Protein backbone atom coordinates (compact mmCIF):
# COMPACT_ATOMS: atom_id res chain seq x y z
CA MET A 1 -23.63 46.45 -105.25
CA LYS A 2 -24.27 44.42 -102.09
CA GLN A 3 -22.55 41.04 -102.00
CA ARG A 4 -24.87 38.07 -101.49
CA SER A 5 -24.32 36.23 -98.24
CA ALA A 6 -24.79 32.55 -97.55
CA GLY A 7 -28.30 31.58 -96.53
CA LYS A 8 -30.36 28.58 -95.47
CA PRO A 9 -29.77 26.61 -98.71
CA ASP A 10 -26.02 27.08 -98.26
CA ILE A 11 -26.23 25.83 -94.68
CA GLU A 12 -28.21 22.75 -95.78
CA LEU A 13 -25.73 22.07 -98.56
CA GLY A 14 -22.89 22.36 -96.05
CA LYS A 15 -24.57 19.86 -93.74
CA ARG A 16 -24.84 17.39 -96.59
CA ILE A 17 -21.18 17.89 -97.50
CA ARG A 18 -20.20 17.23 -93.89
CA LEU A 19 -22.47 14.19 -93.68
CA ARG A 20 -20.88 12.59 -96.72
CA ARG A 21 -17.34 13.51 -95.65
CA VAL A 22 -17.82 11.94 -92.21
CA GLU A 23 -19.51 8.93 -93.77
CA GLN A 24 -16.46 8.45 -96.01
CA LYS A 25 -14.15 8.88 -92.97
CA ILE A 26 -12.32 11.78 -94.63
CA SER A 27 -10.97 14.66 -92.54
CA GLN A 28 -11.53 18.29 -93.48
CA ALA A 29 -7.82 18.55 -94.23
CA GLU A 30 -7.94 15.54 -96.56
CA LEU A 31 -10.93 16.93 -98.42
CA GLY A 32 -9.22 20.31 -98.60
CA ASP A 33 -6.14 18.68 -100.14
CA LYS A 34 -8.30 16.99 -102.77
CA LEU A 35 -9.92 20.33 -103.59
CA GLY A 36 -6.77 22.42 -103.39
CA VAL A 37 -8.10 24.53 -100.49
CA SER A 38 -7.36 24.76 -96.76
CA PHE A 39 -9.28 22.81 -94.14
CA GLN A 40 -10.59 26.17 -92.92
CA GLN A 41 -12.23 26.69 -96.31
CA VAL A 42 -13.84 23.24 -96.04
CA GLN A 43 -15.12 24.26 -92.57
CA LYS A 44 -16.66 27.40 -94.06
CA TYR A 45 -18.38 25.36 -96.79
CA GLU A 46 -19.73 22.90 -94.22
CA LYS A 47 -21.04 25.64 -91.94
CA GLY A 48 -22.61 27.54 -94.83
CA VAL A 49 -20.44 30.59 -94.15
CA ASN A 50 -19.04 30.53 -97.69
CA ARG A 51 -21.12 29.69 -100.73
CA VAL A 52 -20.17 26.70 -102.85
CA GLY A 53 -20.03 27.47 -106.56
CA ALA A 54 -21.08 24.99 -109.23
CA ALA A 55 -17.53 24.05 -110.24
CA ARG A 56 -16.46 23.60 -106.62
CA LEU A 57 -19.54 21.49 -105.89
CA GLN A 58 -18.60 19.23 -108.80
CA GLN A 59 -15.10 18.85 -107.30
CA ILE A 60 -16.57 18.07 -103.88
CA ALA A 61 -18.97 15.49 -105.32
CA SER A 62 -16.11 13.83 -107.18
CA ALA A 63 -13.85 13.84 -104.10
CA LEU A 64 -16.66 12.32 -101.99
CA ASP A 65 -17.62 9.82 -104.70
CA VAL A 66 -21.24 10.90 -105.14
CA PRO A 67 -23.19 12.58 -107.94
CA VAL A 68 -23.82 16.31 -107.54
CA THR A 69 -27.53 15.50 -107.10
CA PHE A 70 -26.67 13.88 -103.75
CA PHE A 71 -26.46 17.37 -102.27
CA TYR A 72 -29.92 18.49 -103.42
CA ASP A 73 -33.52 17.60 -102.64
CA GLY A 74 -35.42 15.65 -105.21
CA ASP A 75 -33.04 12.80 -105.90
CA ASN A 76 -33.58 9.26 -104.68
CA LYS A 77 -31.31 9.81 -101.68
CA ALA A 78 -33.08 12.95 -100.45
CA ARG A 79 -35.13 11.21 -97.76
CA GLU A 80 -32.11 9.22 -96.56
CA VAL A 81 -29.96 12.35 -96.42
CA GLU A 82 -32.64 14.31 -94.54
CA SER A 83 -32.97 11.57 -91.95
CA LEU A 84 -29.20 11.53 -91.41
CA LEU A 85 -28.60 15.28 -91.15
CA PHE A 86 -28.89 15.03 -87.36
CA LEU A 87 -25.60 13.15 -87.39
CA ASP A 88 -23.47 16.20 -86.78
CA SER A 89 -20.57 14.34 -85.25
CA ALA A 90 -18.46 11.33 -86.04
CA PHE A 91 -19.52 9.83 -82.70
CA SER A 92 -23.19 9.81 -83.69
CA LEU A 93 -22.38 8.07 -86.94
CA ARG A 94 -20.19 5.51 -85.15
CA LEU A 95 -22.98 4.83 -82.67
CA LEU A 96 -25.53 4.30 -85.42
CA ARG A 97 -23.22 1.99 -87.36
CA ALA A 98 -22.46 -0.09 -84.26
CA TYR A 99 -26.14 -0.31 -83.34
CA SER A 100 -27.10 -1.46 -86.84
CA LYS A 101 -24.65 -4.36 -86.55
CA ILE A 102 -26.38 -5.75 -83.45
CA LYS A 103 -28.62 -8.62 -84.58
CA ASP A 104 -30.17 -9.58 -81.23
CA GLN A 105 -33.35 -7.51 -80.73
CA THR A 106 -33.22 -8.00 -76.96
CA VAL A 107 -29.77 -6.44 -76.88
CA GLN A 108 -31.00 -3.62 -79.15
CA ARG A 109 -33.90 -2.88 -76.77
CA GLN A 110 -31.59 -2.96 -73.74
CA LEU A 111 -29.19 -0.57 -75.44
CA VAL A 112 -31.99 1.85 -76.31
CA SER A 113 -33.33 1.67 -72.74
CA LEU A 114 -29.85 2.36 -71.37
CA MET A 115 -29.35 5.35 -73.66
CA GLU A 116 -32.80 6.76 -72.85
CA SER A 117 -32.02 6.40 -69.15
CA ILE A 118 -28.71 8.22 -69.55
CA ALA A 119 -30.36 10.94 -71.64
CA ALA A 120 -33.11 11.41 -69.04
CA ASN A 121 -30.45 12.02 -66.38
CA GLU A 122 -28.88 14.74 -68.56
CA ASP A 123 -31.97 16.96 -68.29
């Protein structure tokens, strides 16, 4: 019998696990310790290389302080999670958090203009 490999749903689930882990400022090693697995195993879950079973998903949800439904479409957080999946690094999340703390709209506009200018020079 052929073993099932991880697919697109597993990759999406992994992205959501990573999103929440980074949001909680927990390293892969720390999450691995909470789950009783290595950080390499956490990496495999986050990349969708290894499938996450139901019991393991419950452990992950508990360790990351969210309900299991956080990781699936259809719950109240689905739209928020989808919009944040682009945050694939801690730096992106830090940037977004810092930007959201800026109250002066003029400063916000200047920052966006600066970043767009820098990004345009990267092409």
